[in-house]
Every structure is written in structure tokens, then in C-alpha cells.
């Protein structure tokens, strides 16, 4: 089992009129594959945010392998 960090990202318009990327949520997921981690994170994000679809609060998902080295 591997650990993944899943970030839910959204582009928003800043005070200066420029678009910037904002993290709407971050989850650490234990899963066998990156694809499985993504699907698990989508479900959990929806539960936490009381959403029917994760894309209502985020434009994209970024997934990274967690570095567990001490």
C-alpha cells in the first residue's frame, strides 16, 4: 500500500485582477495505485464538503506520492 497526497486545485481571480491557483483541499490517502487514490479522494472530498461532485469546488486534482522517509 502506498500513501498519496491529493490536492484539489481551483483557479480564482485575485484582488489584482490576475488568476491564481488556490488549494481547496488536501487529503492523504493510502491506496494501491494512483488511480485508486484519486477515486477515494474524490469521494472523501465530496463527503467533507457536502457535495455531489468534487468539481463544484475544484478545477483539477493534483496527486503526488507521499515521501515517508524520516
PDB file of N, CA and C in Angstrom:
ATOM      1  N   UNK A   1       0.855  -1.175   0.000  1.00  0.00           N
ATOM      2  CA  UNK A   1       0.000   0.000   0.000  1.00  0.00           C
ATOM      3  C   UNK A   1       0.898   1.235   0.000  1.00  0.00           C
ATOM      4  N   UNK A   2       0.550   2.195  -0.796  1.00  0.00           N
ATOM      5  CA  UNK A   2       1.309   3.444  -0.883  1.00  0.00           C
ATOM      6  C   UNK A   2       0.471   4.585  -0.332  1.00  0.00           C
ATOM      7  N   UNK A   3       1.147   5.644   0.033  1.00  0.00           N
ATOM      8  CA  UNK A   3       0.454   6.838   0.519  1.00  0.00           C
ATOM      9  C   UNK A   3       0.594   7.933  -0.532  1.00  0.00           C
ATOM     10  N   UNK A   4      -0.531   8.603  -0.804  1.00  0.00           N
ATOM     11  CA  UNK A   4      -0.566   9.681  -1.788  1.00  0.00           C
ATOM     12  C   UNK A   4      -1.124  10.945  -1.145  1.00  0.00           C
ATOM     13  N   UNK A   5      -0.631  12.078  -1.603  1.00  0.00           N
ATOM     14  CA  UNK A   5      -1.182  13.369  -1.220  1.00  0.00           C
ATOM     15  C   UNK A   5      -1.999  13.855  -2.411  1.00  0.00           C
ATOM     16  N   UNK A   6      -3.278  14.126  -2.167  1.00  0.00           N
ATOM     17  CA  UNK A   6      -4.183  14.538  -3.231  1.00  0.00           C
ATOM     18  C   UNK A   6      -4.640  15.971  -2.942  1.00  0.00           C
ATOM     19  N   UNK A   7      -4.391  16.861  -3.895  1.00  0.00           N
ATOM     20  CA  UNK A   7      -4.758  18.267  -3.748  1.00  0.00           C
ATOM     21  C   UNK A   7      -5.867  18.606  -4.736  1.00  0.00           C
ATOM     22  N   UNK A   8      -6.850  19.333  -4.263  1.00  0.00           N
ATOM     23  CA  UNK A   8      -7.955  19.797  -5.098  1.00  0.00           C
ATOM     24  C   UNK A   8      -7.721  21.277  -5.374  1.00  0.00           C
ATOM     25  N   UNK A   9      -7.432  21.596  -6.637  1.00  0.00           N
ATOM     26  CA  UNK A   9      -6.996  22.939  -7.020  1.00  0.00           C
ATOM     27  C   UNK A   9      -8.071  23.680  -7.818  1.00  0.00           C
ATOM     28  N   UNK A  10      -8.110  25.007  -7.618  1.00  0.00           N
ATOM     29  CA  UNK A  10      -9.070  25.847  -8.337  1.00  0.00           C
ATOM     30  C   UNK A  10      -8.373  27.137  -8.763  1.00  0.00           C
ATOM     31  N   UNK A  11      -8.701  27.608  -9.951  1.00  0.00           N
ATOM     32  CA  UNK A  11      -8.214  28.902 -10.422  1.00  0.00           C
ATOM     33  C   UNK A  11      -9.219  29.970  -9.994  1.00  0.00           C
ATOM     34  N   UNK A  12      -8.722  31.012  -9.332  1.00  0.00           N
ATOM     35  CA  UNK A  12      -9.580  32.114  -8.885  1.00  0.00           C
ATOM     36  C   UNK A  12      -8.957  33.437  -9.319  1.00  0.00           C
ATOM     37  N   UNK A  13      -9.781  34.451  -9.389  1.00  0.00           N
ATOM     38  CA  UNK A  13      -9.328  35.786  -9.741  1.00  0.00           C
ATOM     39  C   UNK A  13      -8.912  36.507  -8.467  1.00  0.00           C
ATOM     40  N   UNK A  14      -7.661  36.955  -8.399  1.00  0.00           N
ATOM     41  CA  UNK A  14      -7.148  37.645  -7.219  1.00  0.00           C
ATOM     42  C   UNK A  14      -7.550  39.107  -7.190  1.00  0.00           C
ATOM     43  N   UNK A  15      -7.221  39.776  -6.089  1.00  0.00           N
ATOM     44  CA  UNK A  15      -7.528  41.197  -5.918  1.00  0.00           C
ATOM     45  C   UNK A  15      -6.866  42.065  -6.987  1.00  0.00           C
ATOM     46  N   UNK A  16      -5.754  41.589  -7.525  1.00  0.00           N
ATOM     47  CA  UNK A  16      -5.024  42.353  -8.535  1.00  0.00           C
ATOM     48  C   UNK A  16      -5.548  42.091  -9.956  1.00  0.00           C
ATOM     49  N   UNK A  17      -6.612  41.307 -10.064  1.00  0.00           N
ATOM     50  CA  UNK A  17      -7.193  41.021 -11.365  1.00  0.00           C
ATOM     51  C   UNK A  17      -6.527  39.876 -12.108  1.00  0.00           C
ATOM     52  N   UNK A  18      -5.581  39.250 -11.482  1.00  0.00           N
ATOM     53  CA  UNK A  18      -4.875  38.134 -12.112  1.00  0.00           C
ATOM     54  C   UNK A  18      -5.378  36.814 -11.553  1.00  0.00           C
ATOM     55  N   UNK A  19      -5.344  35.826 -12.410  1.00  0.00           N
ATOM     56  CA  UNK A  19      -5.761  34.493 -11.999  1.00  0.00           C
ATOM     57  C   UNK A  19      -4.654  33.843 -11.187  1.00  0.00           C
ATOM     58  N   UNK A  20      -5.073  33.127 -10.123  1.00  0.00           N
ATOM     59  CA  UNK A  20      -4.105  32.387  -9.338  1.00  0.00           C
ATOM     60  C   UNK A  20      -4.705  31.056  -8.930  1.00  0.00           C
ATOM     61  N   UNK A  21      -3.842  30.136  -8.576  1.00  0.00           N
ATOM     62  CA  UNK A  21      -4.258  28.789  -8.214  1.00  0.00           C
ATOM     63  C   UNK A  21      -4.372  28.694  -6.684  1.00  0.00           C
ATOM     64  N   UNK A  22      -5.505  28.145  -6.226  1.00  0.00           N
ATOM     65  CA  UNK A  22      -5.758  28.004  -4.793  1.00  0.00           C
ATOM     66  C   UNK A  22      -6.086  26.550  -4.494  1.00  0.00           C
ATOM     67  N   UNK A  23      -5.529  26.053  -3.390  1.00  0.00           N
ATOM     68  CA  UNK A  23      -5.829  24.692  -2.960  1.00  0.00           C
ATOM     69  C   UNK A  23      -7.125  24.710  -2.159  1.00  0.00           C
ATOM     70  N   UNK A  24      -8.116  23.975  -2.615  1.00  0.00           N
ATOM     71  CA  UNK A  24      -9.414  23.901  -1.955  1.00  0.00           C
ATOM     72  C   UNK A  24      -9.453  22.786  -0.908  1.00  0.00           C
ATOM     73  N   UNK A  25      -8.515  21.867  -0.974  1.00  0.00           N
ATOM     74  CA  UNK A  25      -8.478  20.780  -0.012  1.00  0.00           C
ATOM     75  C   UNK A  25      -7.292  19.880  -0.274  1.00  0.00           C
ATOM     76  N   UNK A  26      -6.831  19.224   0.785  1.00  0.00           N
ATOM     77  CA  UNK A  26      -5.692  18.329   0.698  1.00  0.00           C
ATOM     78  C   UNK A  26      -6.030  17.090   1.516  1.00  0.00           C
ATOM     79  N   UNK A  27      -5.831  15.932   0.927  1.00  0.00           N
ATOM     80  CA  UNK A  27      -6.087  14.670   1.609  1.00  0.00           C
ATOM     81  C   UNK A  27      -4.885  13.751   1.462  1.00  0.00           C
ATOM     82  N   UNK A  28      -4.594  12.994   2.506  1.00  0.00           N
ATOM     83  CA  UNK A  28      -3.603  11.928   2.425  1.00  0.00           C
ATOM     84  C   UNK A  28      -4.368  10.620   2.340  1.00  0.00           C
ATOM     85  N   UNK A  29      -4.070   9.843   1.306  1.00  0.00           N
ATOM     86  CA  UNK A  29      -4.814   8.615   1.023  1.00  0.00           C
ATOM     87  C   UNK A  29      -3.851   7.444   0.904  1.00  0.00           C
ATOM     88  N   UNK A  30      -4.192   6.338   1.565  1.00  0.00           N
ATOM     89  CA  UNK A  30      -3.454   5.085   1.402  1.00  0.00           C
ATOM     90  C   UNK A  30      -4.192   4.249   0.363  1.00  0.00           C
ATOM     91  N   UNK A  31      -3.481   3.880  -0.712  1.00  0.00           N
ATOM     92  CA  UNK A  31      -4.101   3.123  -1.798  1.00  0.00           C
ATOM     93  C   UNK A  31      -3.030   2.332  -2.543  1.00  0.00           C
ATOM     94  N   UNK A  32      -3.486   1.360  -3.320  1.00  0.00           N
ATOM     95  CA  UNK A  32      -2.567   0.523  -4.095  1.00  0.00           C
ATOM     96  C   UNK A  32      -2.002   1.253  -5.304  1.00  0.00           C
ATOM     97  N   UNK A  33      -2.840   2.101  -5.927  1.00  0.00           N
ATOM     98  CA  UNK A  33      -2.433   2.798  -7.144  1.00  0.00           C
ATOM     99  C   UNK A  33      -2.829   4.269  -7.070  1.00  0.00           C
ATOM    100  N   UNK A  34      -2.235   5.053  -7.937  1.00  0.00           N
ATOM    101  CA  UNK A  34      -2.567   6.468  -8.024  1.00  0.00           C
ATOM    102  C   UNK A  34      -4.038   6.662  -8.422  1.00  0.00           C
ATOM    103  N   UNK A  35      -4.507   5.849  -9.349  1.00  0.00           N
ATOM    104  CA  UNK A  35      -5.900   5.941  -9.793  1.00  0.00           C
ATOM    105  C   UNK A  35      -6.874   5.636  -8.668  1.00  0.00           C
ATOM    106  N   UNK A  36      -6.570   4.621  -7.893  1.00  0.00           N
ATOM    107  CA  UNK A  36      -7.425   4.265  -6.760  1.00  0.00           C
ATOM    108  C   UNK A  36      -7.416   5.391  -5.719  1.00  0.00           C
ATOM    109  N   UNK A  37      -6.258   5.968  -5.473  1.00  0.00           N
ATOM    110  CA  UNK A  37      -6.151   7.081  -4.529  1.00  0.00           C
ATOM    111  C   UNK A  37      -6.977   8.271  -4.989  1.00  0.00           C
ATOM    112  N   UNK A  38      -6.952   8.547  -6.284  1.00  0.00           N
ATOM    113  CA  UNK A  38      -7.721   9.666  -6.829  1.00  0.00           C
ATOM    114  C   UNK A  38      -9.212   9.453  -6.604  1.00  0.00           C
ATOM    115  N   UNK A  39      -9.705   8.279  -6.901  1.00  0.00           N
ATOM    116  CA  UNK A  39     -11.138   7.995  -6.738  1.00  0.00           C
ATOM    117  C   UNK A  39     -11.552   8.043  -5.269  1.00  0.00           C
ATOM    118  N   UNK A  40     -10.718   7.505  -4.382  1.00  0.00           N
ATOM    119  CA  UNK A  40     -11.011   7.542  -2.953  1.00  0.00           C
ATOM    120  C   UNK A  40     -11.034   8.989  -2.448  1.00  0.00           C
ATOM    121  N   UNK A  41     -10.092   9.802  -2.923  1.00  0.00           N
ATOM    122  CA  UNK A  41     -10.019  11.198  -2.509  1.00  0.00           C
ATOM    123  C   UNK A  41     -11.232  11.987  -3.010  1.00  0.00           C
ATOM    124  N   UNK A  42     -11.674  11.718  -4.215  1.00  0.00           N
ATOM    125  CA  UNK A  42     -12.868  12.394  -4.740  1.00  0.00           C
ATOM    126  C   UNK A  42     -14.069  12.133  -3.837  1.00  0.00           C
ATOM    127  N   UNK A  43     -14.267  10.870  -3.462  1.00  0.00           N
ATOM    128  CA  UNK A  43     -15.402  10.513  -2.593  1.00  0.00           C
ATOM    129  C   UNK A  43     -15.288  11.199  -1.224  1.00  0.00           C
ATOM    130  N   UNK A  44     -14.089  11.154  -0.648  1.00  0.00           N
ATOM    131  CA  UNK A  44     -13.900  11.749   0.669  1.00  0.00           C
ATOM    132  C   UNK A  44     -14.071  13.269   0.630  1.00  0.00           C
ATOM    133  N   UNK A  45     -13.546  13.911  -0.409  1.00  0.00           N
ATOM    134  CA  UNK A  45     -13.690  15.359  -0.566  1.00  0.00           C
ATOM    135  C   UNK A  45     -15.168  15.735  -0.664  1.00  0.00           C
ATOM    136  N   UNK A  46     -15.921  14.982  -1.423  1.00  0.00           N
ATOM    137  CA  UNK A  46     -17.362  15.244  -1.551  1.00  0.00           C
ATOM    138  C   UNK A  46     -18.078  15.095  -0.213  1.00  0.00           C
ATOM    139  N   UNK A  47     -17.719  14.072   0.548  1.00  0.00           N
ATOM    140  CA  UNK A  47     -18.321  13.879   1.872  1.00  0.00           C
ATOM    141  C   UNK A  47     -17.993  15.049   2.795  1.00  0.00           C
ATOM    142  N   UNK A  48     -16.732  15.465   2.822  1.00  0.00           N
ATOM    143  CA  UNK A  48     -16.307  16.553   3.695  1.00  0.00           C
ATOM    144  C   UNK A  48     -16.962  17.883   3.336  1.00  0.00           C
ATOM    145  N   UNK A  49     -17.138  18.123   2.042  1.00  0.00           N
ATOM    146  CA  UNK A  49     -17.671  19.398   1.566  1.00  0.00           C
ATOM    147  C   UNK A  49     -19.187  19.369   1.329  1.00  0.00           C
ATOM    148  N   UNK A  50     -19.818  18.224   1.573  1.00  0.00           N
ATOM    149  CA  UNK A  50     -21.252  18.030   1.325  1.00  0.00           C
ATOM    150  C   UNK A  50     -21.601  18.361  -0.131  1.00  0.00           C
ATOM    151  N   UNK A  51     -20.852  17.749  -1.036  1.00  0.00           N
ATOM    152  CA  UNK A  51     -21.022  17.967  -2.473  1.00  0.00           C
ATOM    153  C   UNK A  51     -21.450  16.675  -3.148  1.00  0.00           C
ATOM    154  N   UNK A  52     -22.106  16.819  -4.300  1.00  0.00           N
ATOM    155  CA  UNK A  52     -22.412  15.637  -5.108  1.00  0.00           C
ATOM    156  C   UNK A  52     -21.322  15.397  -6.146  1.00  0.00           C
ATOM    157  N   UNK A  53     -20.491  16.415  -6.420  1.00  0.00           N
ATOM    158  CA  UNK A  53     -19.417  16.300  -7.402  1.00  0.00           C
ATOM    159  C   UNK A  53     -18.260  17.197  -6.969  1.00  0.00           C
ATOM    160  N   UNK A  54     -17.066  16.638  -6.883  1.00  0.00           N
ATOM    161  CA  UNK A  54     -15.894  17.388  -6.430  1.00  0.00           C
ATOM    162  C   UNK A  54     -15.600  18.607  -7.287  1.00  0.00           C
ATOM    163  N   UNK A  55     -15.958  18.547  -8.575  1.00  0.00           N
ATOM    164  CA  UNK A  55     -15.622  19.635  -9.499  1.00  0.00           C
ATOM    165  C   UNK A  55     -16.447  20.902  -9.262  1.00  0.00           C
ATOM    166  N   UNK A  56     -17.373  20.853  -8.332  1.00  0.00           N
ATOM    167  CA  UNK A  56     -18.109  22.067  -7.972  1.00  0.00           C
ATOM    168  C   UNK A  56     -17.225  23.019  -7.167  1.00  0.00           C
ATOM    169  N   UNK A  57     -16.201  22.510  -6.506  1.00  0.00           N
ATOM    170  CA  UNK A  57     -15.296  23.337  -5.705  1.00  0.00           C
ATOM    171  C   UNK A  57     -13.864  23.342  -6.208  1.00  0.00           C
ATOM    172  N   UNK A  58     -13.550  22.532  -7.216  1.00  0.00           N
ATOM    173  CA  UNK A  58     -12.173  22.466  -7.718  1.00  0.00           C
ATOM    174  C   UNK A  58     -12.177  22.274  -9.225  1.00  0.00           C
ATOM    175  N   UNK A  59     -11.131  22.775  -9.868  1.00  0.00           N
ATOM    176  CA  UNK A  59     -10.991  22.636 -11.316  1.00  0.00           C
ATOM    177  C   UNK A  59     -10.208  21.390 -11.704  1.00  0.00           C
ATOM    178  N   UNK A  60      -9.309  20.974 -10.819  1.00  0.00           N
ATOM    179  CA  UNK A  60      -8.451  19.838 -11.147  1.00  0.00           C
ATOM    180  C   UNK A  60      -7.910  19.209  -9.867  1.00  0.00           C
ATOM    181  N   UNK A  61      -7.366  18.032 -10.052  1.00  0.00           N
ATOM    182  CA  UNK A  61      -6.767  17.287  -8.953  1.00  0.00           C
ATOM    183  C   UNK A  61      -5.292  17.092  -9.250  1.00  0.00           C
ATOM    184  N   UNK A  62      -4.476  17.320  -8.249  1.00  0.00           N
ATOM    185  CA  UNK A  62      -3.040  17.061  -8.352  1.00  0.00           C
ATOM    186  C   UNK A  62      -2.736  15.958  -7.342  1.00  0.00           C
ATOM    187  N   UNK A  63      -2.020  14.944  -7.787  1.00  0.00           N
ATOM    188  CA  UNK A  63      -1.700  13.830  -6.894  1.00  0.00           C
ATOM    189  C   UNK A  63      -0.193  13.607  -6.887  1.00  0.00           C
ATOM    190  N   UNK A  64       0.335  13.381  -5.690  1.00  0.00           N
ATOM    191  CA  UNK A  64       1.772  13.171  -5.515  1.00  0.00           C
ATOM    192  C   UNK A  64       1.983  12.009  -4.567  1.00  0.00           C
ATOM    193  N   UNK A  65       3.024  11.248  -4.791  1.00  0.00           N
ATOM    194  CA  UNK A  65       3.394  10.201  -3.847  1.00  0.00           C
ATOM    195  C   UNK A  65       3.944  10.867  -2.596  1.00  0.00           C
ATOM    196  N   UNK A  66       3.492  10.411  -1.433  1.00  0.00           N
ATOM    197  CA  UNK A  66       3.971  10.976  -0.168  1.00  0.00           C
ATOM    198  C   UNK A  66       5.362  10.439   0.125  1.00  0.00           C
ATOM    199  N   UNK A  67       6.229  11.291   0.582  1.00  0.00           N
ATOM    200  CA  UNK A  67       7.579  10.890   0.946  1.00  0.00           C
ATOM    201  C   UNK A  67       7.567  10.523   2.421  1.00  0.00           C
ATOM    202  N   UNK A  68       7.683   9.235   2.723  1.00  0.00           N
ATOM    203  CA  UNK A  68       7.578   8.770   4.099  1.00  0.00           C
ATOM    204  C   UNK A  68       8.932   8.591   4.773  1.00  0.00           C
ATOM    205  N   UNK A  69       9.993   8.994   4.117  1.00  0.00           N
ATOM    206  CA  UNK A  69      11.322   8.857   4.715  1.00  0.00           C
ATOM    207  C   UNK A  69      11.489   9.811   5.885  1.00  0.00           C
ATOM    208  N   UNK A  70      12.060   9.342   6.969  1.00  0.00           N
ATOM    209  CA  UNK A  70      12.256  10.184   8.152  1.00  0.00           C
ATOM    210  C   UNK A  70      13.633  10.802   8.161  1.00  0.00           C
TER     211      UNK A  70
END
